[in-house]
């Protein structure tokens, strides 16, 4: 089961957030040999989604995944609005995909 981390984004502003993948004991997962992908959508099962730029931290042993959206990307989001998002990791050796983080993104409107 994926961990839950809820996020807030200001529409029209650059967004970045680090989320940490942990095991059931609460320890960071060593993400050496993994890749990551993240996406958000207005609701579960939506036919369209927005890709969130995601990358492993420079030291993958920390379990940190860095999420980013540009100011242009956040300006194109509906606001005020609620989105759902998922973060997946893929084990390069055998292509096993695991959803590790999920949550709600609240978008605050710009002026």
PDB file of N, CA and C in Angstrom:
ATOM      1  N   UNK A   1       0.836  -1.173   0.000  1.00  0.00           N
ATOM      2  CA  UNK A   1       0.000   0.000   0.000  1.00  0.00           C
ATOM      3  C   UNK A   1       0.886   1.242   0.000  1.00  0.00           C
ATOM      4  N   UNK A   2       0.526   2.212  -0.822  1.00  0.00           N
ATOM      5  CA  UNK A   2       1.302   3.437  -0.956  1.00  0.00           C
ATOM      6  C   UNK A   2       1.123   4.337   0.269  1.00  0.00           C
ATOM      7  N   UNK A   3       2.180   5.075   0.588  1.00  0.00           N
ATOM      8  CA  UNK A   3       2.099   6.087   1.643  1.00  0.00           C
ATOM      9  C   UNK A   3       1.288   7.266   1.122  1.00  0.00           C
ATOM     10  N   UNK A   4       0.700   8.024   2.036  1.00  0.00           N
ATOM     11  CA  UNK A   4      -0.105   9.182   1.662  1.00  0.00           C
ATOM     12  C   UNK A   4       0.646  10.459   2.036  1.00  0.00           C
ATOM     13  N   UNK A   5       0.755  11.375   1.061  1.00  0.00           N
ATOM     14  CA  UNK A   5       1.355  12.689   1.297  1.00  0.00           C
ATOM     15  C   UNK A   5       0.537  13.706   0.515  1.00  0.00           C
ATOM     16  N   UNK A   6      -0.168  14.570   1.215  1.00  0.00           N
ATOM     17  CA  UNK A   6      -0.981  15.592   0.562  1.00  0.00           C
ATOM     18  C   UNK A   6      -0.135  16.841   0.327  1.00  0.00           C
ATOM     19  N   UNK A   7      -0.347  17.489  -0.832  1.00  0.00           N
ATOM     20  CA  UNK A   7       0.468  18.623  -1.243  1.00  0.00           C
ATOM     21  C   UNK A   7      -0.407  19.816  -1.598  1.00  0.00           C
ATOM     22  N   UNK A   8       0.193  21.022  -1.578  1.00  0.00           N
ATOM     23  CA  UNK A   8      -0.476  22.251  -1.991  1.00  0.00           C
ATOM     24  C   UNK A   8       0.365  22.911  -3.073  1.00  0.00           C
ATOM     25  N   UNK A   9      -0.311  23.415  -4.115  1.00  0.00           N
ATOM     26  CA  UNK A   9       0.358  24.098  -5.213  1.00  0.00           C
ATOM     27  C   UNK A   9      -0.298  25.460  -5.390  1.00  0.00           C
ATOM     28  N   UNK A  10       0.520  26.497  -5.559  1.00  0.00           N
ATOM     29  CA  UNK A  10       0.009  27.824  -5.883  1.00  0.00           C
ATOM     30  C   UNK A  10      -0.017  27.959  -7.397  1.00  0.00           C
ATOM     31  N   UNK A  11      -1.204  28.214  -7.940  1.00  0.00           N
ATOM     32  CA  UNK A  11      -1.378  28.355  -9.383  1.00  0.00           C
ATOM     33  C   UNK A  11      -0.486  29.493  -9.892  1.00  0.00           C
ATOM     34  N   UNK A  12       0.254  29.240 -10.976  1.00  0.00           N
ATOM     35  CA  UNK A  12       1.108  30.243 -11.587  1.00  0.00           C
ATOM     36  C   UNK A  12       2.478  30.376 -10.968  1.00  0.00           C
ATOM     37  N   UNK A  13       2.794  29.575  -9.962  1.00  0.00           N
ATOM     38  CA  UNK A  13       4.103  29.618  -9.307  1.00  0.00           C
ATOM     39  C   UNK A  13       4.843  28.303  -9.547  1.00  0.00           C
ATOM     40  N   UNK A  14       6.150  28.379  -9.545  1.00  0.00           N
ATOM     41  CA  UNK A  14       6.949  27.151  -9.636  1.00  0.00           C
ATOM     42  C   UNK A  14       6.663  26.299  -8.403  1.00  0.00           C
ATOM     43  N   UNK A  15       6.642  24.993  -8.595  1.00  0.00           N
ATOM     44  CA  UNK A  15       6.349  24.057  -7.499  1.00  0.00           C
ATOM     45  C   UNK A  15       7.450  23.026  -7.416  1.00  0.00           C
ATOM     46  N   UNK A  16       7.890  22.745  -6.216  1.00  0.00           N
ATOM     47  CA  UNK A  16       8.790  21.611  -5.993  1.00  0.00           C
ATOM     48  C   UNK A  16       8.541  21.068  -4.594  1.00  0.00           C
ATOM     49  N   UNK A  17       8.654  19.774  -4.501  1.00  0.00           N
ATOM     50  CA  UNK A  17       8.470  19.109  -3.220  1.00  0.00           C
ATOM     51  C   UNK A  17       9.260  17.816  -3.225  1.00  0.00           C
ATOM     52  N   UNK A  18       9.910  17.523  -2.124  1.00  0.00           N
ATOM     53  CA  UNK A  18      10.607  16.256  -1.958  1.00  0.00           C
ATOM     54  C   UNK A  18       9.732  15.342  -1.119  1.00  0.00           C
ATOM     55  N   UNK A  19       9.519  14.131  -1.599  1.00  0.00           N
ATOM     56  CA  UNK A  19       8.791  13.128  -0.832  1.00  0.00           C
ATOM     57  C   UNK A  19       9.727  11.944  -0.608  1.00  0.00           C
ATOM     58  N   UNK A  20       9.621  11.321   0.538  1.00  0.00           N
ATOM     59  CA  UNK A  20      10.527  10.229   0.887  1.00  0.00           C
ATOM     60  C   UNK A  20       9.778   8.905   0.883  1.00  0.00           C
ATOM     61  N   UNK A  21      10.319   7.947   0.155  1.00  0.00           N
ATOM     62  CA  UNK A  21       9.763   6.597   0.104  1.00  0.00           C
ATOM     63  C   UNK A  21      10.320   5.843   1.309  1.00  0.00           C
ATOM     64  N   UNK A  22       9.408   5.325   2.139  1.00  0.00           N
ATOM     65  CA  UNK A  22       9.831   4.588   3.331  1.00  0.00           C
ATOM     66  C   UNK A  22       9.237   3.183   3.335  1.00  0.00           C
ATOM     67  N   UNK A  23       9.868   2.305   4.082  1.00  0.00           N
ATOM     68  CA  UNK A  23       9.332   0.949   4.231  1.00  0.00           C
ATOM     69  C   UNK A  23       8.389   0.914   5.427  1.00  0.00           C
ATOM     70  N   UNK A  24       7.877  -0.251   5.748  1.00  0.00           N
ATOM     71  CA  UNK A  24       6.896  -0.381   6.833  1.00  0.00           C
ATOM     72  C   UNK A  24       7.471  -0.026   8.206  1.00  0.00           C
ATOM     73  N   UNK A  25       8.800  -0.046   8.342  1.00  0.00           N
ATOM     74  CA  UNK A  25       9.449   0.333   9.598  1.00  0.00           C
ATOM     75  C   UNK A  25       9.701   1.841   9.680  1.00  0.00           C
ATOM     76  N   UNK A  26       9.368   2.569   8.602  1.00  0.00           N
ATOM     77  CA  UNK A  26       9.592   4.010   8.586  1.00  0.00           C
ATOM     78  C   UNK A  26      10.965   4.426   8.109  1.00  0.00           C
ATOM     79  N   UNK A  27      11.773   3.460   7.675  1.00  0.00           N
ATOM     80  CA  UNK A  27      13.119   3.766   7.182  1.00  0.00           C
ATOM     81  C   UNK A  27      13.077   4.068   5.684  1.00  0.00           C
ATOM     82  N   UNK A  28      13.951   4.983   5.249  1.00  0.00           N
ATOM     83  CA  UNK A  28      14.026   5.334   3.834  1.00  0.00           C
ATOM     84  C   UNK A  28      14.418   4.114   3.006  1.00  0.00           C
ATOM     85  N   UNK A  29      13.779   3.975   1.839  1.00  0.00           N
ATOM     86  CA  UNK A  29      14.066   2.876   0.917  1.00  0.00           C
ATOM     87  C   UNK A  29      15.230   3.290   0.018  1.00  0.00           C
ATOM     88  N   UNK A  30      16.208   2.423  -0.138  1.00  0.00           N
ATOM     89  CA  UNK A  30      17.322   2.673  -1.053  1.00  0.00           C
ATOM     90  C   UNK A  30      16.791   2.525  -2.482  1.00  0.00           C
ATOM     91  N   UNK A  31      16.774   3.620  -3.233  1.00  0.00           N
ATOM     92  CA  UNK A  31      16.215   3.615  -4.581  1.00  0.00           C
ATOM     93  C   UNK A  31      17.286   3.456  -5.662  1.00  0.00           C
ATOM     94  N   UNK A  32      18.447   2.963  -5.280  1.00  0.00           N
ATOM     95  CA  UNK A  32      19.483   2.674  -6.265  1.00  0.00           C
ATOM     96  C   UNK A  32      18.961   1.600  -7.212  1.00  0.00           C
ATOM     97  N   UNK A  33      19.076   1.840  -8.520  1.00  0.00           N
ATOM     98  CA  UNK A  33      18.583   0.882  -9.509  1.00  0.00           C
ATOM     99  C   UNK A  33      17.111   1.048  -9.844  1.00  0.00           C
ATOM    100  N   UNK A  34      16.525   2.190  -9.475  1.00  0.00           N
ATOM    101  CA  UNK A  34      15.113   2.471  -9.753  1.00  0.00           C
ATOM    102  C   UNK A  34      14.997   3.736 -10.598  1.00  0.00           C
ATOM    103  N   UNK A  35      13.873   3.878 -11.278  1.00  0.00           N
ATOM    104  CA  UNK A  35      13.479   5.127 -11.910  1.00  0.00           C
ATOM    105  C   UNK A  35      12.132   5.508 -11.316  1.00  0.00           C
ATOM    106  N   UNK A  36      11.677   6.715 -11.590  1.00  0.00           N
ATOM    107  CA  UNK A  36      10.411   7.168 -11.024  1.00  0.00           C
ATOM    108  C   UNK A  36       9.595   7.943 -12.054  1.00  0.00           C
ATOM    109  N   UNK A  37       8.285   7.909 -11.885  1.00  0.00           N
ATOM    110  CA  UNK A  37       7.359   8.690 -12.700  1.00  0.00           C
ATOM    111  C   UNK A  37       6.186   9.081 -11.808  1.00  0.00           C
ATOM    112  N   UNK A  38       5.638  10.273 -12.068  1.00  0.00           N
ATOM    113  CA  UNK A  38       4.517  10.765 -11.264  1.00  0.00           C
ATOM    114  C   UNK A  38       3.492  11.424 -12.174  1.00  0.00           C
ATOM    115  N   UNK A  39       2.226  11.346 -11.755  1.00  0.00           N
ATOM    116  CA  UNK A  39       1.173  12.009 -12.520  1.00  0.00           C
ATOM    117  C   UNK A  39       0.052  12.437 -11.593  1.00  0.00           C
ATOM    118  N   UNK A  40      -0.711  13.424 -12.077  1.00  0.00           N
ATOM    119  CA  UNK A  40      -1.851  13.921 -11.312  1.00  0.00           C
ATOM    120  C   UNK A  40      -3.050  14.043 -12.244  1.00  0.00           C
ATOM    121  N   UNK A  41      -4.243  13.935 -11.677  1.00  0.00           N
ATOM    122  CA  UNK A  41      -5.476  14.018 -12.458  1.00  0.00           C
ATOM    123  C   UNK A  41      -6.580  14.569 -11.571  1.00  0.00           C
ATOM    124  N   UNK A  42      -7.659  15.019 -12.206  1.00  0.00           N
ATOM    125  CA  UNK A  42      -8.782  15.579 -11.464  1.00  0.00           C
ATOM    126  C   UNK A  42      -9.488  14.544 -10.591  1.00  0.00           C
ATOM    127  N   UNK A  43      -9.421  13.284 -11.005  1.00  0.00           N
ATOM    128  CA  UNK A  43     -10.056  12.223 -10.219  1.00  0.00           C
ATOM    129  C   UNK A  43      -9.424  10.886 -10.582  1.00  0.00           C
ATOM    130  N   UNK A  44      -9.610   9.919  -9.729  1.00  0.00           N
ATOM    131  CA  UNK A  44      -9.130   8.561 -10.009  1.00  0.00           C
ATOM    132  C   UNK A  44      -9.803   8.047 -11.268  1.00  0.00           C
ATOM    133  N   UNK A  45      -9.043   7.395 -12.130  1.00  0.00           N
ATOM    134  CA  UNK A  45      -9.592   6.816 -13.349  1.00  0.00           C
ATOM    135  C   UNK A  45      -9.855   7.823 -14.453  1.00  0.00           C
ATOM    136  N   UNK A  46      -9.384   9.061 -14.301  1.00  0.00           N
ATOM    137  CA  UNK A  46      -9.602  10.086 -15.322  1.00  0.00           C
ATOM    138  C   UNK A  46      -8.916   9.692 -16.624  1.00  0.00           C
ATOM    139  N   UNK A  47      -9.489  10.116 -17.738  1.00  0.00           N
ATOM    140  CA  UNK A  47      -8.921   9.769 -19.043  1.00  0.00           C
ATOM    141  C   UNK A  47      -7.711  10.630 -19.398  1.00  0.00           C
ATOM    142  N   UNK A  48      -7.521  11.745 -18.716  1.00  0.00           N
ATOM    143  CA  UNK A  48      -6.347  12.571 -18.973  1.00  0.00           C
ATOM    144  C   UNK A  48      -5.651  12.885 -17.658  1.00  0.00           C
ATOM    145  N   UNK A  49      -4.338  13.116 -17.742  1.00  0.00           N
ATOM    146  CA  UNK A  49      -3.552  13.412 -16.554  1.00  0.00           C
ATOM    147  C   UNK A  49      -2.439  14.390 -16.908  1.00  0.00           C
ATOM    148  N   UNK A  50      -1.833  14.939 -15.890  1.00  0.00           N
ATOM    149  CA  UNK A  50      -0.698  15.846 -16.025  1.00  0.00           C
ATOM    150  C   UNK A  50       0.524  15.122 -15.473  1.00  0.00           C
ATOM    151  N   UNK A  51       1.605  15.099 -16.253  1.00  0.00           N
ATOM    152  CA  UNK A  51       2.846  14.485 -15.774  1.00  0.00           C
ATOM    153  C   UNK A  51       3.551  15.462 -14.849  1.00  0.00           C
ATOM    154  N   UNK A  52       3.935  14.985 -13.697  1.00  0.00           N
ATOM    155  CA  UNK A  52       4.729  15.763 -12.752  1.00  0.00           C
ATOM    156  C   UNK A  52       6.172  15.332 -12.953  1.00  0.00           C
ATOM    157  N   UNK A  53       7.062  16.279 -13.200  1.00  0.00           N
ATOM    158  CA  UNK A  53       8.476  15.941 -13.337  1.00  0.00           C
ATOM    159  C   UNK A  53       8.937  15.319 -12.022  1.00  0.00           C
ATOM    160  N   UNK A  54       9.490  14.125 -12.101  1.00  0.00           N
ATOM    161  CA  UNK A  54       9.966  13.456 -10.894  1.00  0.00           C
ATOM    162  C   UNK A  54      11.332  12.838 -11.158  1.00  0.00           C
ATOM    163  N   UNK A  55      12.181  12.939 -10.159  1.00  0.00           N
ATOM    164  CA  UNK A  55      13.531  12.410 -10.274  1.00  0.00           C
ATOM    165  C   UNK A  55      13.989  11.928  -8.910  1.00  0.00           C
ATOM    166  N   UNK A  56      14.866  10.951  -8.922  1.00  0.00           N
ATOM    167  CA  UNK A  56      15.460  10.491  -7.671  1.00  0.00           C
ATOM    168  C   UNK A  56      16.484  11.522  -7.215  1.00  0.00           C
ATOM    169  N   UNK A  57      16.628  11.673  -5.917  1.00  0.00           N
ATOM    170  CA  UNK A  57      17.641  12.575  -5.368  1.00  0.00           C
ATOM    171  C   UNK A  57      19.025  12.117  -5.829  1.00  0.00           C
ATOM    172  N   UNK A  58      19.982  13.023  -5.792  1.00  0.00           N
ATOM    173  CA  UNK A  58      21.339  12.680  -6.238  1.00  0.00           C
ATOM    174  C   UNK A  58      21.921  11.516  -5.440  1.00  0.00           C
ATOM    175  N   UNK A  59      21.460  11.325  -4.212  1.00  0.00           N
ATOM    176  CA  UNK A  59      21.840  10.161  -3.409  1.00  0.00           C
ATOM    177  C   UNK A  59      20.596   9.285  -3.255  1.00  0.00           C
ATOM    178  N   UNK A  60      20.418   8.293  -4.143  1.00  0.00           N
ATOM    179  CA  UNK A  60      19.187   7.490  -4.109  1.00  0.00           C
ATOM    180  C   UNK A  60      19.010   6.670  -2.832  1.00  0.00           C
ATOM    181  N   UNK A  61      20.049   6.525  -2.026  1.00  0.00           N
ATOM    182  CA  UNK A  61      19.913   5.766  -0.783  1.00  0.00           C
ATOM    183  C   UNK A  61      19.049   6.499   0.236  1.00  0.00           C
ATOM    184  N   UNK A  62      18.777   7.790   0.011  1.00  0.00           N
ATOM    185  CA  UNK A  62      17.944   8.569   0.939  1.00  0.00           C
ATOM    186  C   UNK A  62      16.459   8.306   0.747  1.00  0.00           C
ATOM    187  N   UNK A  63      16.083   7.666  -0.387  1.00  0.00           N
ATOM    188  CA  UNK A  63      14.680   7.392  -0.654  1.00  0.00           C
ATOM    189  C   UNK A  63      13.883   8.596  -1.111  1.00  0.00           C
ATOM    190  N   UNK A  64      14.555   9.692  -1.416  1.00  0.00           N
ATOM    191  CA  UNK A  64      13.864  10.932  -1.767  1.00  0.00           C
ATOM    192  C   UNK A  64      13.565  10.982  -3.269  1.00  0.00           C
ATOM    193  N   UNK A  65      12.308  11.353  -3.570  1.00  0.00           N
ATOM    194  CA  UNK A  65      11.876  11.616  -4.938  1.00  0.00           C
ATOM    195  C   UNK A  65      11.534  13.098  -5.010  1.00  0.00           C
ATOM    196  N   UNK A  66      12.125  13.785  -5.988  1.00  0.00           N
ATOM    197  CA  UNK A  66      11.912  15.221  -6.153  1.00  0.00           C
ATOM    198  C   UNK A  66      10.826  15.447  -7.203  1.00  0.00           C
ATOM    199  N   UNK A  67       9.767  16.157  -6.820  1.00  0.00           N
ATOM    200  CA  UNK A  67       8.650  16.460  -7.717  1.00  0.00           C
ATOM    201  C   UNK A  67       8.720  17.933  -8.110  1.00  0.00           C
ATOM    202  N   UNK A  68       8.456  18.232  -9.396  1.00  0.00           N
ATOM    203  CA  UNK A  68       8.508  19.621  -9.854  1.00  0.00           C
ATOM    204  C   UNK A  68       7.491  19.893 -10.953  1.00  0.00           C
ATOM    205  N   UNK A  69       6.945  21.111 -10.927  1.00  0.00           N
ATOM    206  CA  UNK A  69       6.126  21.656 -11.999  1.00  0.00           C
ATOM    207  C   UNK A  69       6.596  23.093 -12.225  1.00  0.00           C
ATOM    208  N   UNK A  70       6.625  23.524 -13.470  1.00  0.00           N
ATOM    209  CA  UNK A  70       7.009  24.900 -13.775  1.00  0.00           C
ATOM    210  C   UNK A  70       5.849  25.843 -13.492  1.00  0.00           C
ATOM    211  N   UNK A  71       6.139  27.143 -13.470  1.00  0.00           N
ATOM    212  CA  UNK A  71       5.079  28.126 -13.279  1.00  0.00           C
ATOM    213  C   UNK A  71       4.065  28.068 -14.418  1.00  0.00           C
ATOM    214  N   UNK A  72       4.513  27.769 -15.633  1.00  0.00           N
ATOM    215  CA  UNK A  72       3.609  27.627 -16.774  1.00  0.00           C
ATOM    216  C   UNK A  72       2.678  26.439 -16.580  1.00  0.00           C
ATOM    217  N   UNK A  73       3.216  25.326 -16.100  1.00  0.00           N
ATOM    218  CA  UNK A  73       2.387  24.141 -15.864  1.00  0.00           C
ATOM    219  C   UNK A  73       1.342  24.404 -14.785  1.00  0.00           C
ATOM    220  N   UNK A  74       1.737  25.055 -13.691  1.00  0.00           N
ATOM    221  CA  UNK A  74       0.771  25.299 -12.616  1.00  0.00           C
ATOM    222  C   UNK A  74      -0.256  26.348 -13.023  1.00  0.00           C
ATOM    223  N   UNK A  75       0.126  27.282 -13.909  1.00  0.00           N
ATOM    224  CA  UNK A  75      -0.829  28.287 -14.399  1.00  0.00           C
ATOM    225  C   UNK A  75      -1.946  27.631 -15.194  1.00  0.00           C
ATOM    226  N   UNK A  76      -1.661  26.480 -15.809  1.00  0.00           N
ATOM    227  CA  UNK A  76      -2.659  25.773 -16.614  1.00  0.00           C
ATOM    228  C   UNK A  76      -3.553  24.840 -15.803  1.00  0.00           C
ATOM    229  N   UNK A  77      -3.303  24.729 -14.509  1.00  0.00           N
ATOM    230  CA  UNK A  77      -4.145  23.890 -13.652  1.00  0.00           C
ATOM    231  C   UNK A  77      -5.404  24.653 -13.268  1.00  0.00           C
ATOM    232  N   UNK A  78      -6.516  23.943 -13.136  1.00  0.00           N
ATOM    233  CA  UNK A  78      -7.742  24.547 -12.632  1.00  0.00           C
ATOM    234  C   UNK A  78      -7.524  24.948 -11.173  1.00  0.00           C
ATOM    235  N   UNK A  79      -8.108  26.086 -10.781  1.00  0.00           N
ATOM    236  CA  UNK A  79      -7.991  26.507  -9.383  1.00  0.00           C
ATOM    237  C   UNK A  79      -9.170  27.418  -9.049  1.00  0.00           C
ATOM    238  N   UNK A  80      -9.688  27.355  -7.854  1.00  0.00           N
ATOM    239  CA  UNK A  80      -9.292  26.373  -6.861  1.00  0.00           C
ATOM    240  C   UNK A  80      -9.742  24.982  -7.301  1.00  0.00           C
ATOM    241  N   UNK A  81      -8.938  24.017  -6.995  1.00  0.00           N
ATOM    242  CA  UNK A  81      -9.261  22.650  -7.419  1.00  0.00           C
ATOM    243  C   UNK A  81      -8.536  21.639  -6.551  1.00  0.00           C
ATOM    244  N   UNK A  82      -9.026  20.431  -6.672  1.00  0.00           N
ATOM    245  CA  UNK A  82      -8.445  19.286  -5.968  1.00  0.00           C
ATOM    246  C   UNK A  82      -8.082  18.256  -7.020  1.00  0.00           C
ATOM    247  N   UNK A  83      -6.852  17.779  -6.976  1.00  0.00           N
ATOM    248  CA  UNK A  83      -6.369  16.726  -7.860  1.00  0.00           C
ATOM    249  C   UNK A  83      -5.909  15.545  -6.998  1.00  0.00           C
ATOM    250  N   UNK A  84      -5.785  14.403  -7.601  1.00  0.00           N
ATOM    251  CA  UNK A  84      -5.156  13.250  -6.960  1.00  0.00           C
ATOM    252  C   UNK A  84      -3.852  12.981  -7.703  1.00  0.00           C
ATOM    253  N   UNK A  85      -2.878  12.396  -7.018  1.00  0.00           N
ATOM    254  CA  UNK A  85      -1.612  12.101  -7.676  1.00  0.00           C
ATOM    255  C   UNK A  85      -1.031  10.785  -7.170  1.00  0.00           C
ATOM    256  N   UNK A  86      -0.146  10.235  -7.986  1.00  0.00           N
ATOM    257  CA  UNK A  86       0.567   8.998  -7.654  1.00  0.00           C
ATOM    258  C   UNK A  86       2.036   9.160  -8.007  1.00  0.00           C
ATOM    259  N   UNK A  87       2.891   8.518  -7.226  1.00  0.00           N
ATOM    260  CA  UNK A  87       4.317   8.411  -7.533  1.00  0.00           C
ATOM    261  C   UNK A  87       4.630   6.923  -7.657  1.00  0.00           C
ATOM    262  N   UNK A  88       5.220   6.550  -8.786  1.00  0.00           N
ATOM    263  CA  UNK A  88       5.594   5.164  -9.048  1.00  0.00           C
ATOM    264  C   UNK A  88       7.110   5.044  -9.131  1.00  0.00           C
ATOM    265  N   UNK A  89       7.635   3.897  -8.706  1.00  0.00           N
ATOM    266  CA  UNK A  89       9.035   3.580  -8.942  1.00  0.00           C
ATOM    267  C   UNK A  89       9.089   2.299  -9.767  1.00  0.00           C
ATOM    268  N   UNK A  90      10.099   2.212 -10.611  1.00  0.00           N
ATOM    269  CA  UNK A  90      10.301   1.022 -11.436  1.00  0.00           C
ATOM    270  C   UNK A  90      11.688   0.470 -11.158  1.00  0.00           C
ATOM    271  N   UNK A  91      11.745  -0.799 -10.792  1.00  0.00           N
ATOM    272  CA  UNK A  91      13.026  -1.469 -10.574  1.00  0.00           C
ATOM    273  C   UNK A  91      13.605  -1.802 -11.945  1.00  0.00           C
ATOM    274  N   UNK A  92      14.734  -1.211 -12.268  1.00  0.00           N
ATOM    275  CA  UNK A  92      15.328  -1.346 -13.586  1.00  0.00           C
ATOM    276  C   UNK A  92      15.651  -2.797 -13.928  1.00  0.00           C
ATOM    277  N   UNK A  93      16.097  -3.572 -12.964  1.00  0.00           N
ATOM    278  CA  UNK A  93      16.539  -4.944 -13.213  1.00  0.00           C
ATOM    279  C   UNK A  93      15.440  -5.845 -13.757  1.00  0.00           C
ATOM    280  N   UNK A  94      14.209  -5.671 -13.268  1.00  0.00           N
ATOM    281  CA  UNK A  94      13.134  -6.577 -13.708  1.00  0.00           C
ATOM    282  C   UNK A  94      11.852  -5.857 -14.130  1.00  0.00           C
ATOM    283  N   UNK A  95      11.892  -4.539 -14.224  1.00  0.00           N
ATOM    284  CA  UNK A  95      10.757  -3.707 -14.660  1.00  0.00           C
ATOM    285  C   UNK A  95       9.537  -3.775 -13.740  1.00  0.00           C
ATOM    286  N   UNK A  96       9.739  -4.150 -12.486  1.00  0.00           N
ATOM    287  CA  UNK A  96       8.650  -4.167 -11.515  1.00  0.00           C
ATOM    288  C   UNK A  96       8.257  -2.740 -11.160  1.00  0.00           C
ATOM    289  N   UNK A  97       6.955  -2.426 -11.302  1.00  0.00           N
ATOM    290  CA  UNK A  97       6.447  -1.092 -11.004  1.00  0.00           C
ATOM    291  C   UNK A  97       5.668  -1.135  -9.692  1.00  0.00           C
ATOM    292  N   UNK A  98       5.949  -0.162  -8.817  1.00  0.00           N
ATOM    293  CA  UNK A  98       5.275  -0.075  -7.531  1.00  0.00           C
ATOM    294  C   UNK A  98       4.797   1.351  -7.297  1.00  0.00           C
ATOM    295  N   UNK A  99       3.526   1.504  -6.927  1.00  0.00           N
ATOM    296  CA  UNK A  99       3.037   2.823  -6.513  1.00  0.00           C
ATOM    297  C   UNK A  99       3.461   3.003  -5.066  1.00  0.00           C
ATOM    298  N   UNK A 100       4.263   4.035  -4.799  1.00  0.00           N
ATOM    299  CA  UNK A 100       4.825   4.199  -3.459  1.00  0.00           C
ATOM    300  C   UNK A 100       4.224   5.365  -2.682  1.00  0.00           C
ATOM    301  N   UNK A 101       3.730   6.377  -3.397  1.00  0.00           N
ATOM    302  CA  UNK A 101       3.141   7.536  -2.726  1.00  0.00           C
ATOM    303  C   UNK A 101       1.901   7.956  -3.503  1.00  0.00           C
ATOM    304  N   UNK A 102       0.876   8.348  -2.779  1.00  0.00           N
ATOM    305  CA  UNK A 102      -0.342   8.859  -3.380  1.00  0.00           C
ATOM    306  C   UNK A 102      -0.862   9.973  -2.486  1.00  0.00           C
ATOM    307  N   UNK A 103      -1.745  10.775  -3.027  1.00  0.00           N
ATOM    308  CA  UNK A 103      -2.315  11.810  -2.195  1.00  0.00           C
ATOM    309  C   UNK A 103      -3.175  12.779  -2.967  1.00  0.00           C
ATOM    310  N   UNK A 104      -3.517  13.847  -2.290  1.00  0.00           N
ATOM    311  CA  UNK A 104      -4.344  14.908  -2.836  1.00  0.00           C
ATOM    312  C   UNK A 104      -3.484  16.144  -3.033  1.00  0.00           C
ATOM    313  N   UNK A 105      -3.643  16.784  -4.163  1.00  0.00           N
ATOM    314  CA  UNK A 105      -2.999  18.069  -4.411  1.00  0.00           C
ATOM    315  C   UNK A 105      -4.093  19.131  -4.437  1.00  0.00           C
ATOM    316  N   UNK A 106      -3.965  20.113  -3.599  1.00  0.00           N
ATOM    317  CA  UNK A 106      -4.887  21.243  -3.580  1.00  0.00           C
ATOM    318  C   UNK A 106      -4.219  22.394  -4.314  1.00  0.00           C
ATOM    319  N   UNK A 107      -4.901  22.942  -5.329  1.00  0.00           N
ATOM    320  CA  UNK A 107      -4.358  24.058  -6.102  1.00  0.00           C
ATOM    321  C   UNK A 107      -5.029  25.339  -5.646  1.00  0.00           C
ATOM    322  N   UNK A 108      -4.207  26.279  -5.151  1.00  0.00           N
ATOM    323  CA  UNK A 108      -4.698  27.580  -4.720  1.00  0.00           C
ATOM    324  C   UNK A 108      -4.689  28.535  -5.899  1.00  0.00           C
ATOM    325  N   UNK A 109      -5.769  29.284  -6.122  1.00  0.00           N
ATOM    326  CA  UNK A 109      -5.848  30.146  -7.306  1.00  0.00           C
ATOM    327  C   UNK A 109      -4.936  31.372  -7.214  1.00  0.00           C
ATOM    328  N   UNK A 110      -4.528  31.841  -8.409  1.00  0.00           N
ATOM    329  CA  UNK A 110      -3.758  33.089  -8.478  1.00  0.00           C
ATOM    330  C   UNK A 110      -4.735  34.252  -8.616  1.00  0.00           C
ATOM    331  N   UNK A 111      -4.215  35.457  -8.530  1.00  0.00           N
ATOM    332  CA  UNK A 111      -5.042  36.664  -8.655  1.00  0.00           C
ATOM    333  C   UNK A 111      -5.547  36.800 -10.065  1.00  0.00           C
TER     334      UNK A 111
END
